[in-house]
Amino acid sequence: MMVYLKCFNLLSEEYENGLLINERRTYFHNQYPFRIFPEKKLEKINFSNVTILYGGNGSGKSTILKIIAEKLNAKGHDGSGEMFQSYVNCCSYEMTYEVPDEIKIIKSDDVFDYIYNVKRINNRMFNKREALLKEYFDCKSTKIRDINDYQSIKNEVDAKRMSPASFIRERMLNKDVLEQSNGESALMYFISEIKDNGIYLLDEPENSMSASMQLKLTKFLEESARFFNCQFIIATHSPFILGMKDTTIYDLDSIPVVTRNWWDLENMKIYYNFFKDHEEKFENNNISL
């Protein structure tokens, strides 16, 4: 399994203080992303084939992805302010001898934008479907007199031999898009964006996905890492993604930040205890996966 990015160095508290003083920025009210990671005693992140940044809201996991994306000039990274850029400029990293074909960050907003565009397509298709339904009944009740009007004759013949659904389906474009749920659209977005031989920074990819879709995404990520030379750095809460094979998990809720097995994470223990307390309900209903 491939590792392109070996490690990334954040700034120590001493370095941050010196930088802020030298640049006379201590009077700035917003010093983001300064002051976040020294409190967690996190200065260096060592990466494996799949590295997961785990923590609650405000723990800094998305900030780390953004810093790495900015430093590596990853595709999809947003422009940053002057303070953020000053921080990033002083960070350092180490690559292996292998060179990735691309480095890309995929944010929740990117997925939401894609889903929104799919919905816009779906809305246009809904309007088109309504127009085709009207056309179907018009053709079914009207006899075409002009034998040279091929399309009208075809529509009349089709209307008489087809159900309304078949008539519409044959004339609709992008049928698959129309039938996709938000989770299916999100999964298709990841499949289309993640290529072979790349570094991918994923910010809470489970958003908009049901449990079953998260399982499918997890399988896709595992196969991409194992067979297609992808390296992943993922910020996530998803128990399914946390349970991926051969991962390094940084617990950003811990001070100092440490690496843990997924089953040792606090939220995973809460899930376990909840289902353990209700185990008989599953057994009594003969639930099988």
Protein backbone atom coordinates (compact mmCIF):
# COMPACT_ATOMS: atom_id res chain seq x y z
CA MET A 1 0.00 0.00 0.00
CA MET A 2 1.30 3.39 -1.05
CA VAL A 3 2.50 6.26 1.13
CA TYR A 4 3.47 9.48 -0.66
CA LEU A 5 3.26 11.98 2.21
CA LYS A 6 5.41 10.70 5.05
CA CYS A 7 4.93 13.36 7.73
CA PHE A 8 3.78 16.95 8.30
CA ASN A 9 5.14 19.39 10.89
CA LEU A 10 2.90 21.95 12.53
CA LEU A 11 4.25 24.90 14.52
CA SER A 12 5.36 24.64 18.12
CA GLU A 13 4.08 27.11 20.70
CA GLU A 14 7.48 28.80 20.85
CA TYR A 15 7.63 29.17 17.07
CA GLU A 16 4.09 30.54 16.95
CA ASN A 17 4.85 33.14 19.61
CA GLY A 18 7.99 34.26 17.82
CA LEU A 19 6.20 34.52 14.49
CA LEU A 20 3.32 36.53 15.93
CA ILE A 21 5.68 38.93 17.68
CA ASN A 22 7.98 39.36 14.69
CA GLU A 23 5.08 40.08 12.37
CA ARG A 24 3.41 42.38 14.94
CA ARG A 25 0.12 40.51 14.70
CA THR A 26 -0.62 39.97 18.38
CA TYR A 27 -3.24 42.71 18.24
CA PHE A 28 -5.31 40.77 15.71
CA HIS A 29 -8.45 39.42 17.34
CA ASN A 30 -8.63 36.46 14.97
CA GLN A 31 -5.34 34.57 14.96
CA TYR A 32 -6.66 31.43 13.27
CA PRO A 33 -5.05 28.89 12.88
CA PHE A 34 -2.56 29.96 15.55
CA ARG A 35 -3.06 28.83 19.18
CA ILE A 36 -4.94 25.64 18.26
CA PHE A 37 -2.37 22.86 18.16
CA PRO A 38 0.15 23.86 20.87
CA GLU A 39 -2.66 23.40 23.40
CA LYS A 40 -3.04 19.85 22.11
CA LYS A 41 0.73 19.31 22.10
CA LEU A 42 0.52 18.31 18.46
CA GLU A 43 3.54 19.25 16.36
CA LYS A 44 4.07 16.31 14.01
CA ILE A 45 1.74 13.96 12.15
CA ASN A 46 3.14 10.73 10.72
CA PHE A 47 1.05 9.30 7.91
CA SER A 48 0.23 5.77 6.86
CA ASN A 49 -1.64 4.63 3.77
CA VAL A 50 -4.88 5.73 5.46
CA THR A 51 -4.68 8.32 8.23
CA ILE A 52 -7.78 9.45 10.07
CA LEU A 53 -8.21 12.67 12.05
CA TYR A 54 -10.91 12.06 14.63
CA GLY A 55 -12.48 14.57 16.99
CA GLY A 56 -15.51 16.65 17.81
CA ASN A 57 -16.50 19.95 16.26
CA GLY A 58 -13.77 22.52 16.86
CA SER A 59 -11.09 19.90 17.49
CA GLY A 60 -9.04 21.12 14.53
CA LYS A 61 -9.31 18.14 12.21
CA SER A 62 -10.66 20.15 9.28
CA THR A 63 -8.10 22.88 9.95
CA ILE A 64 -5.27 20.34 9.64
CA LEU A 65 -6.63 19.20 6.28
CA LYS A 66 -6.83 22.80 5.11
CA ILE A 67 -3.26 23.52 6.24
CA ILE A 68 -1.91 20.43 4.46
CA ALA A 69 -3.91 21.21 1.31
CA GLU A 70 -2.59 24.78 1.25
CA LYS A 71 1.01 23.70 1.83
CA LEU A 72 0.89 20.99 -0.84
CA ASN A 73 -1.07 23.23 -3.24
CA ALA A 74 -3.75 20.56 -3.50
CA LYS A 75 -6.47 20.80 -6.11
CA GLY A 76 -9.66 22.15 -4.61
CA HIS A 77 -8.09 24.13 -1.77
CA ASP A 78 -9.57 27.54 -1.06
CA GLY A 79 -7.64 30.74 -0.90
CA SER A 80 -6.67 31.73 2.63
CA GLY A 81 -6.18 34.93 4.56
CA GLU A 82 -2.86 36.53 5.41
CA MET A 83 -2.67 35.04 8.91
CA PHE A 84 -3.43 31.55 7.66
CA GLN A 85 -0.86 31.84 4.88
CA SER A 86 1.79 33.01 7.36
CA TYR A 87 1.18 29.88 9.41
CA VAL A 88 1.25 27.57 6.39
CA ASN A 89 4.47 29.08 5.05
CA CYS A 90 6.30 28.01 8.21
CA CYS A 91 5.02 24.42 8.21
CA SER A 92 7.12 21.66 6.68
CA TYR A 93 6.57 18.15 5.37
CA GLU A 94 8.43 15.14 4.05
CA MET A 95 7.51 13.07 1.01
CA THR A 96 8.71 9.61 0.06
CA TYR A 97 10.42 8.95 -3.25
CA GLU A 98 7.09 8.04 -4.85
CA VAL A 99 5.37 10.91 -6.65
CA PRO A 100 1.54 11.05 -6.74
CA ASP A 101 -0.29 11.84 -9.95
CA GLU A 102 -2.44 14.36 -8.12
CA ILE A 103 -3.10 15.84 -4.68
CA LYS A 104 -6.69 16.87 -4.03
CA ILE A 105 -8.87 17.97 -1.14
CA ILE A 106 -12.59 17.15 -1.22
CA LYS A 107 -14.64 19.19 1.23
CA SER A 108 -18.21 18.78 2.41
CA ASP A 109 -19.13 21.94 0.51
CA ASP A 110 -17.86 20.37 -2.73
CA VAL A 111 -20.16 17.39 -2.22
CA PHE A 112 -23.11 19.62 -1.27
CA ASP A 113 -22.57 21.74 -4.39
CA TYR A 114 -22.58 18.60 -6.53
CA ILE A 115 -25.77 17.32 -4.89
CA TYR A 116 -27.38 20.74 -5.36
CA ASN A 117 -26.52 20.69 -9.06
CA VAL A 118 -27.97 17.18 -9.34
CA LYS A 119 -31.16 18.45 -7.69
CA ARG A 120 -31.33 21.30 -10.19
CA ILE A 121 -31.02 18.77 -13.00
CA ASN A 122 -33.71 16.66 -11.33
CA ASN A 123 -36.04 19.66 -11.09
CA ARG A 124 -35.60 20.44 -14.78
CA MET A 125 -36.22 16.78 -15.56
CA PHE A 126 -39.35 16.81 -13.39
CA ASN A 127 -40.71 19.69 -15.43
CA LYS A 128 -39.80 17.88 -18.62
CA ARG A 129 -41.53 14.74 -17.35
CA GLU A 130 -44.71 16.71 -16.70
CA ALA A 131 -44.60 18.08 -20.25
CA LEU A 132 -44.04 14.59 -21.66
CA LEU A 133 -46.97 13.24 -19.65
CA LYS A 134 -49.22 15.86 -21.19
CA GLU A 135 -47.80 15.01 -24.62
CA TYR A 136 -48.52 11.31 -24.01
CA PHE A 137 -52.22 11.87 -23.34
CA ASP A 138 -52.50 14.37 -26.20
CA CYS A 139 -50.99 11.84 -28.60
CA LYS A 140 -53.17 9.06 -27.25
CA SER A 141 -56.36 11.04 -27.88
CA THR A 142 -55.39 12.80 -31.13
CA LYS A 143 -55.07 11.26 -34.57
CA ILE A 144 -52.26 12.66 -36.74
CA ARG A 145 -53.43 13.55 -40.25
CA ASP A 146 -50.13 14.59 -41.81
CA ILE A 147 -48.34 11.40 -42.92
CA ASN A 148 -45.12 13.39 -43.51
CA ASP A 149 -44.87 14.35 -39.83
CA TYR A 150 -42.76 11.36 -38.78
CA GLN A 151 -42.16 12.44 -35.17
CA SER A 152 -45.84 13.08 -34.51
CA ILE A 153 -46.77 9.70 -36.00
CA LYS A 154 -44.11 8.00 -33.89
CA ASN A 155 -45.37 9.73 -30.74
CA GLU A 156 -48.96 8.66 -31.53
CA VAL A 157 -47.91 5.03 -32.14
CA ASP A 158 -45.78 4.98 -28.99
CA ALA A 159 -48.57 6.50 -26.90
CA LYS A 160 -50.96 3.78 -28.04
CA ARG A 161 -48.57 0.89 -27.37
CA MET A 162 -46.71 2.17 -24.28
CA SER A 163 -47.62 2.94 -20.71
CA PRO A 164 -47.12 6.55 -19.61
CA ALA A 165 -43.99 5.59 -17.66
CA SER A 166 -42.40 3.84 -20.66
CA PHE A 167 -43.27 6.72 -22.97
CA ILE A 168 -41.59 9.21 -20.61
CA ARG A 169 -38.59 7.02 -19.78
CA GLU A 170 -37.69 6.53 -23.45
CA ARG A 171 -37.59 10.29 -23.98
CA MET A 172 -35.82 11.33 -20.80
CA LEU A 173 -32.10 11.99 -20.65
CA ASN A 174 -29.94 11.18 -17.60
CA LYS A 175 -32.43 8.70 -16.16
CA ASP A 176 -29.88 7.50 -13.62
CA VAL A 177 -29.43 11.01 -12.25
CA LEU A 178 -33.15 11.37 -11.70
CA GLU A 179 -33.30 8.20 -9.64
CA GLN A 180 -30.33 8.91 -7.35
CA SER A 181 -30.73 9.80 -3.68
CA ASN A 182 -28.49 12.39 -2.03
CA GLY A 183 -26.30 9.61 -0.64
CA GLU A 184 -26.02 7.90 -4.01
CA SER A 185 -25.12 11.20 -5.66
CA ALA A 186 -22.45 11.85 -3.00
CA LEU A 187 -20.98 8.37 -3.51
CA MET A 188 -20.88 8.86 -7.28
CA TYR A 189 -19.09 12.17 -6.73
CA PHE A 190 -16.30 10.49 -4.73
CA ILE A 191 -15.99 7.69 -7.27
CA SER A 192 -15.65 10.21 -10.11
CA GLU A 193 -13.17 12.46 -8.27
CA ILE A 194 -10.81 9.87 -6.79
CA LYS A 195 -8.37 8.50 -9.36
CA ASP A 196 -5.46 6.06 -9.13
CA ASN A 197 -2.08 7.07 -7.65
CA GLY A 198 -3.14 10.15 -5.70
CA ILE A 199 -3.20 11.79 -2.28
CA TYR A 200 -6.76 12.63 -1.20
CA LEU A 201 -7.75 14.78 1.75
CA LEU A 202 -11.38 14.09 2.64
CA ASP A 203 -13.29 16.34 5.04
CA GLU A 204 -16.17 14.42 6.64
CA PRO A 205 -17.04 12.46 3.49
CA GLU A 206 -19.89 10.68 5.28
CA ASN A 207 -22.08 13.79 5.26
CA SER A 208 -25.34 13.29 3.32
CA MET A 209 -24.89 9.51 3.43
CA SER A 210 -27.02 6.85 5.10
CA ALA A 211 -25.34 3.99 6.95
CA SER A 212 -25.58 1.72 3.90
CA MET A 213 -24.02 4.39 1.65
CA GLN A 214 -21.23 4.94 4.20
CA LEU A 215 -20.46 1.23 4.04
CA LYS A 216 -20.23 1.41 0.25
CA LEU A 217 -17.98 4.46 0.47
CA THR A 218 -15.77 2.69 3.01
CA LYS A 219 -15.37 -0.29 0.71
CA PHE A 220 -14.49 1.99 -2.20
CA LEU A 221 -11.87 3.83 -0.13
CA GLU A 222 -10.37 0.57 1.13
CA GLU A 223 -10.07 -0.81 -2.39
CA SER A 224 -8.63 2.48 -3.71
CA ALA A 225 -5.98 2.43 -0.98
CA ARG A 226 -5.18 -1.27 -1.30
CA PHE A 227 -5.25 -1.83 -5.04
CA PHE A 228 -4.97 1.57 -6.75
CA ASN A 229 -2.12 3.31 -4.90
CA CYS A 230 -4.19 5.99 -3.21
CA GLN A 231 -3.22 7.61 0.08
CA PHE A 232 -6.02 9.06 2.20
CA ILE A 233 -6.05 11.61 5.01
CA ILE A 234 -9.61 11.74 6.33
CA ALA A 235 -11.40 13.88 8.90
CA THR A 236 -14.41 11.87 10.03
CA HIS A 237 -16.86 10.82 12.74
CA SER A 238 -18.18 7.84 10.80
CA PRO A 239 -17.79 4.53 12.68
CA PHE A 240 -17.63 2.72 9.34
CA ILE A 241 -14.75 4.80 8.01
CA LEU A 242 -13.02 4.67 11.40
CA GLY A 243 -13.20 0.89 11.13
CA MET A 244 -11.27 0.79 7.84
CA LYS A 245 -8.43 -1.71 7.78
CA ASP A 246 -4.82 -0.72 8.52
CA THR A 247 -5.50 2.89 9.50
CA THR A 248 -3.66 5.32 11.76
CA ILE A 249 -6.18 7.28 13.84
CA TYR A 250 -5.27 10.54 15.59
CA ASP A 251 -7.61 11.34 18.48
CA LEU A 252 -7.80 15.13 18.48
CA ASP A 253 -10.13 15.11 21.48
CA SER A 254 -7.24 13.86 23.57
CA ILE A 255 -4.65 16.17 25.20
CA PRO A 256 -1.99 15.44 24.23
CA VAL A 257 -3.16 14.12 20.87
CA VAL A 258 -2.46 10.38 20.61
CA THR A 259 -3.11 7.59 18.12
CA ARG A 260 -5.74 5.04 19.09
CA ASN A 261 -7.49 1.95 17.78
CA TRP A 262 -11.00 2.76 16.58
CA TRP A 263 -12.57 0.60 19.30
CA ASP A 264 -10.78 2.65 21.98
CA LEU A 265 -12.33 5.96 20.90
CA GLU A 266 -14.82 7.43 23.35
CA ASN A 267 -17.69 7.76 20.86
CA MET A 268 -17.21 4.19 19.68
CA LYS A 269 -17.53 2.99 23.27
CA ILE A 270 -20.76 4.98 23.61
CA TYR A 271 -22.14 3.31 20.46
CA TYR A 272 -21.07 -0.09 21.74
CA ASN A 273 -22.68 0.39 25.15
CA PHE A 274 -25.91 1.64 23.59
CA PHE A 275 -26.28 -1.37 21.30
CA LYS A 276 -25.14 -3.71 24.06
CA ASP A 277 -27.89 -2.37 26.33
CA HIS A 278 -30.45 -3.04 23.56
CA GLU A 279 -28.97 -6.27 22.29
CA GLU A 280 -32.04 -8.34 23.15
CA LYS A 281 -34.24 -6.16 20.95
CA PHE A 282 -32.14 -7.05 17.92
CA GLU A 283 -32.06 -10.72 18.84
CA ASN A 284 -35.80 -10.87 19.53
CA ASN A 285 -36.54 -9.41 16.10
CA ASN A 286 -34.17 -11.87 14.39
CA ILE A 287 -32.32 -9.02 12.72
CA SER A 288 -29.69 -10.21 10.28
CA LEU A 289 -27.28 -8.25 8.14
